[in-house]
Amino acid sequence: MIRFLAIAALVTVSIAGPAFAQKKSARAMMDEMKAKYGQTFTQCQAIATSRGFNLRDMGDNDSEAVNAVMFIEGCVMGRQR
């Protein structure tokens, strides 16, 4: 019985661990995109700013920050211009 509970606990932790780790802050996502896409990210960030996204005062889980990240990601992928 104890062995079963120990195995069940290990399985739960191994499944739940990556799910919790995947939640990143908006700032972390932007830093990751900036490192990966460089100049394209910078151009898309300028487009986002020109369209009214406030990138300086955004909080990590703020809905405006998430919207800005989504816009920039779409722009980098060629879906926004």
Protein backbone atom coordinates (compact mmCIF):
# COMPACT_ATOMS: atom_id res chain seq x y z
CA MET A 1 0.00 0.00 0.00
CA ILE A 2 2.77 2.44 0.92
CA ARG A 3 4.66 1.57 -2.24
CA PHE A 4 1.52 2.28 -4.30
CA LEU A 5 1.07 5.70 -2.65
CA ALA A 6 4.74 6.57 -3.22
CA ILE A 7 4.48 5.66 -6.92
CA ALA A 8 1.24 7.61 -7.27
CA ALA A 9 2.86 10.66 -5.66
CA LEU A 10 5.86 10.46 -8.00
CA VAL A 11 3.63 10.18 -11.05
CA THR A 12 1.58 13.17 -9.92
CA VAL A 13 4.67 15.31 -9.36
CA SER A 14 6.23 14.30 -12.68
CA ILE A 15 3.05 15.28 -14.54
CA ALA A 16 2.21 18.45 -12.58
CA GLY A 17 5.77 19.82 -12.45
CA PRO A 18 6.08 20.75 -16.15
CA ALA A 19 2.56 22.19 -16.18
CA PHE A 20 3.46 24.68 -13.46
CA ALA A 21 6.81 25.47 -15.04
CA GLN A 22 5.23 26.43 -18.37
CA LYS A 23 3.48 29.50 -16.97
CA LYS A 24 5.80 32.39 -17.76
CA SER A 25 5.42 36.04 -17.08
CA ALA A 26 4.79 38.43 -19.95
CA ARG A 27 8.21 40.01 -19.36
CA ALA A 28 9.92 36.59 -19.56
CA MET A 29 8.10 35.78 -22.80
CA MET A 30 9.15 39.11 -24.30
CA ASP A 31 12.77 38.57 -23.25
CA GLU A 32 12.70 35.10 -24.81
CA MET A 33 11.27 36.43 -28.09
CA LYS A 34 13.82 39.25 -28.14
CA ALA A 35 16.68 36.78 -27.77
CA LYS A 36 15.26 34.45 -30.41
CA TYR A 37 14.12 36.93 -33.07
CA GLY A 38 16.37 39.96 -32.51
CA GLN A 39 15.76 42.66 -35.13
CA THR A 40 12.33 41.33 -36.09
CA PHE A 41 11.25 41.53 -32.45
CA THR A 42 12.52 45.10 -32.22
CA GLN A 43 10.55 46.10 -35.33
CA CYS A 44 7.39 44.43 -34.04
CA GLN A 45 7.84 46.06 -30.65
CA ALA A 46 7.96 49.45 -32.39
CA ILE A 47 4.76 48.60 -34.28
CA ALA A 48 3.08 47.59 -31.01
CA THR A 49 4.10 50.88 -29.40
CA SER A 50 2.81 52.86 -32.40
CA ARG A 51 -0.53 51.06 -32.07
CA GLY A 52 -0.92 52.08 -28.44
CA PHE A 53 0.56 49.25 -26.41
CA ASN A 54 2.32 50.61 -23.33
CA LEU A 55 5.34 48.36 -22.99
CA ARG A 56 7.14 50.31 -20.27
CA ASP A 57 4.64 50.06 -17.39
CA MET A 58 3.26 46.60 -17.93
CA GLY A 59 2.93 44.10 -15.12
CA ASP A 60 3.84 40.47 -15.55
CA ASN A 61 0.31 39.08 -15.54
CA ASP A 62 -1.52 42.21 -16.61
CA SER A 63 -4.03 41.63 -19.42
CA GLU A 64 -2.50 44.53 -21.37
CA ALA A 65 0.92 42.87 -21.09
CA VAL A 66 -0.48 39.56 -22.34
CA ASN A 67 -2.17 41.34 -25.25
CA ALA A 68 1.10 43.10 -26.14
CA VAL A 69 2.99 39.80 -26.07
CA MET A 70 0.36 38.17 -28.26
CA PHE A 71 0.49 41.08 -30.73
CA ILE A 72 4.29 41.01 -30.94
CA GLU A 73 4.31 37.24 -31.32
CA GLY A 74 1.80 37.49 -34.15
CA CYS A 75 3.86 40.21 -35.78
CA VAL A 76 7.05 38.15 -35.55
CA MET A 77 5.22 35.26 -37.20
CA GLY A 78 4.03 37.56 -40.00
CA ARG A 79 0.37 37.79 -38.97
CA GLN A 80 0.42 41.48 -37.94
CA ARG A 81 1.74 44.48 -39.86
